[in-house]
Amino acid sequence: MKYSLTPLSVRLPLGADKILNSLVKNLHISKGEFIRSAILEKIEDALDIKLIKDTARKNKKLYSLEEVKRELDMED
């Protein structure tokens, strides 16, 4: 699947940039890929939180992972 990408500039403190350089080198990925992945993960988390809050506001029953595992007999 092809995506249309938008350029983005990020300013980091020198210490964070040094850590990022070392990290991406060890992971064998580019800075862009690392940052893109982190941003998309953060967006996904924010959308999940919004969905949970919206569901709770509608007074729908929420189940913890432990409750679901118990119900499906998938306990560790």
C-alpha atoms as a PDB file:
ATOM      1  CA  MET A   1       0.000   0.000   0.000  1.00  0.00           C
ATOM      2  CA  LYS A   2       1.380   3.412  -0.939  1.00  0.00           C
ATOM      3  CA  TYR A   3       0.998   6.374   1.331  1.00  0.00           C
ATOM      4  CA  SER A   4       1.161  10.024   0.520  1.00  0.00           C
ATOM      5  CA  LEU A   5       3.734  11.394   2.934  1.00  0.00           C
ATOM      6  CA  THR A   6       4.059  14.930   4.283  1.00  0.00           C
ATOM      7  CA  PRO A   7       7.474  16.275   5.303  1.00  0.00           C
ATOM      8  CA  LEU A   8       7.916  17.183   8.956  1.00  0.00           C
ATOM      9  CA  SER A   9      10.715  18.908  10.813  1.00  0.00           C
ATOM     10  CA  VAL A  10      11.439  18.129  14.461  1.00  0.00           C
ATOM     11  CA  ARG A  11      13.845  19.964  16.751  1.00  0.00           C
ATOM     12  CA  LEU A  12      15.375  17.880  19.520  1.00  0.00           C
ATOM     13  CA  PRO A  13      17.711  18.773  22.357  1.00  0.00           C
ATOM     14  CA  LEU A  14      21.290  17.705  21.583  1.00  0.00           C
ATOM     15  CA  GLY A  15      21.207  14.913  24.173  1.00  0.00           C
ATOM     16  CA  ALA A  16      18.021  13.435  22.758  1.00  0.00           C
ATOM     17  CA  ASP A  17      19.429  13.577  19.222  1.00  0.00           C
ATOM     18  CA  LYS A  18      22.546  11.690  20.316  1.00  0.00           C
ATOM     19  CA  ILE A  19      20.423   8.994  21.958  1.00  0.00           C
ATOM     20  CA  LEU A  20      18.180   8.813  18.891  1.00  0.00           C
ATOM     21  CA  ASN A  21      21.190   8.435  16.570  1.00  0.00           C
ATOM     22  CA  SER A  22      22.534   5.572  18.667  1.00  0.00           C
ATOM     23  CA  LEU A  23      19.144   3.894  18.929  1.00  0.00           C
ATOM     24  CA  VAL A  24      18.306   3.962  15.219  1.00  0.00           C
ATOM     25  CA  LYS A  25      21.792   2.726  14.394  1.00  0.00           C
ATOM     26  CA  ASN A  26      21.295  -0.290  16.676  1.00  0.00           C
ATOM     27  CA  LEU A  27      17.800  -0.922  15.276  1.00  0.00           C
ATOM     28  CA  HIS A  28      19.024  -0.547  11.663  1.00  0.00           C
ATOM     29  CA  ILE A  29      16.292   1.927  10.771  1.00  0.00           C
ATOM     30  CA  SER A  30      16.275   5.573   9.752  1.00  0.00           C
ATOM     31  CA  LYS A  31      15.442   8.447  12.070  1.00  0.00           C
ATOM     32  CA  GLY A  32      12.448   9.167   9.871  1.00  0.00           C
ATOM     33  CA  GLU A  33      11.106   5.625  10.223  1.00  0.00           C
ATOM     34  CA  PHE A  34      11.608   5.676  13.996  1.00  0.00           C
ATOM     35  CA  ILE A  35       9.888   9.044  14.414  1.00  0.00           C
ATOM     36  CA  ARG A  36       7.074   8.133  11.986  1.00  0.00           C
ATOM     37  CA  SER A  37       6.431   4.915  13.899  1.00  0.00           C
ATOM     38  CA  ALA A  38       6.446   6.726  17.257  1.00  0.00           C
ATOM     39  CA  ILE A  39       3.996   9.358  16.021  1.00  0.00           C
ATOM     40  CA  LEU A  40       1.619   6.782  14.521  1.00  0.00           C
ATOM     41  CA  GLU A  41       1.749   4.752  17.752  1.00  0.00           C
ATOM     42  CA  LYS A  42       0.941   7.881  19.783  1.00  0.00           C
ATOM     43  CA  ILE A  43      -2.000   8.695  17.471  1.00  0.00           C
ATOM     44  CA  GLU A  44      -3.318   5.132  17.799  1.00  0.00           C
ATOM     45  CA  ASP A  45      -3.052   5.322  21.610  1.00  0.00           C
ATOM     46  CA  ALA A  46      -4.906   8.661  21.669  1.00  0.00           C
ATOM     47  CA  LEU A  47      -7.702   7.246  19.486  1.00  0.00           C
ATOM     48  CA  ASP A  48      -7.955   4.168  21.732  1.00  0.00           C
ATOM     49  CA  ILE A  49      -8.244   6.384  24.816  1.00  0.00           C
ATOM     50  CA  LYS A  50     -10.933   8.478  23.112  1.00  0.00           C
ATOM     51  CA  LEU A  51     -12.887   5.330  22.210  1.00  0.00           C
ATOM     52  CA  ILE A  52     -12.663   4.071  25.805  1.00  0.00           C
ATOM     53  CA  LYS A  53     -13.834   7.414  27.187  1.00  0.00           C
ATOM     54  CA  ASP A  54     -16.682   7.637  24.660  1.00  0.00           C
ATOM     55  CA  THR A  55     -17.779   4.092  25.510  1.00  0.00           C
ATOM     56  CA  ALA A  56     -17.628   4.802  29.245  1.00  0.00           C
ATOM     57  CA  ARG A  57     -19.680   7.974  28.744  1.00  0.00           C
ATOM     58  CA  LYS A  58     -22.377   5.921  27.055  1.00  0.00           C
ATOM     59  CA  ASN A  59     -22.445   3.664  30.142  1.00  0.00           C
ATOM     60  CA  LYS A  60     -21.452   0.598  28.160  1.00  0.00           C
ATOM     61  CA  LYS A  61     -19.792  -2.220  30.043  1.00  0.00           C
ATOM     62  CA  LEU A  62     -16.012  -2.306  29.708  1.00  0.00           C
ATOM     63  CA  TYR A  63     -14.041  -5.506  30.272  1.00  0.00           C
ATOM     64  CA  SER A  64     -10.466  -5.793  31.433  1.00  0.00           C
ATOM     65  CA  LEU A  65      -8.077  -8.128  29.629  1.00  0.00           C
ATOM     66  CA  GLU A  66      -8.195 -10.444  32.641  1.00  0.00           C
ATOM     67  CA  GLU A  67     -12.012 -10.590  32.495  1.00  0.00           C
ATOM     68  CA  VAL A  68     -11.967 -11.422  28.791  1.00  0.00           C
ATOM     69  CA  LYS A  69      -9.346 -14.147  29.288  1.00  0.00           C
ATOM     70  CA  ARG A  70     -11.406 -15.642  32.110  1.00  0.00           C
ATOM     71  CA  GLU A  71     -14.591 -15.553  30.045  1.00  0.00           C
ATOM     72  CA  LEU A  72     -12.854 -17.262  27.106  1.00  0.00           C
ATOM     73  CA  ASP A  73     -10.997 -19.760  29.325  1.00  0.00           C
ATOM     74  CA  MET A  74      -7.656 -18.322  28.230  1.00  0.00           C
ATOM     75  CA  GLU A  75      -6.170 -17.736  31.659  1.00  0.00           C
ATOM     76  CA  ASP A  76      -2.405 -18.188  31.980  1.00  0.00           C
END
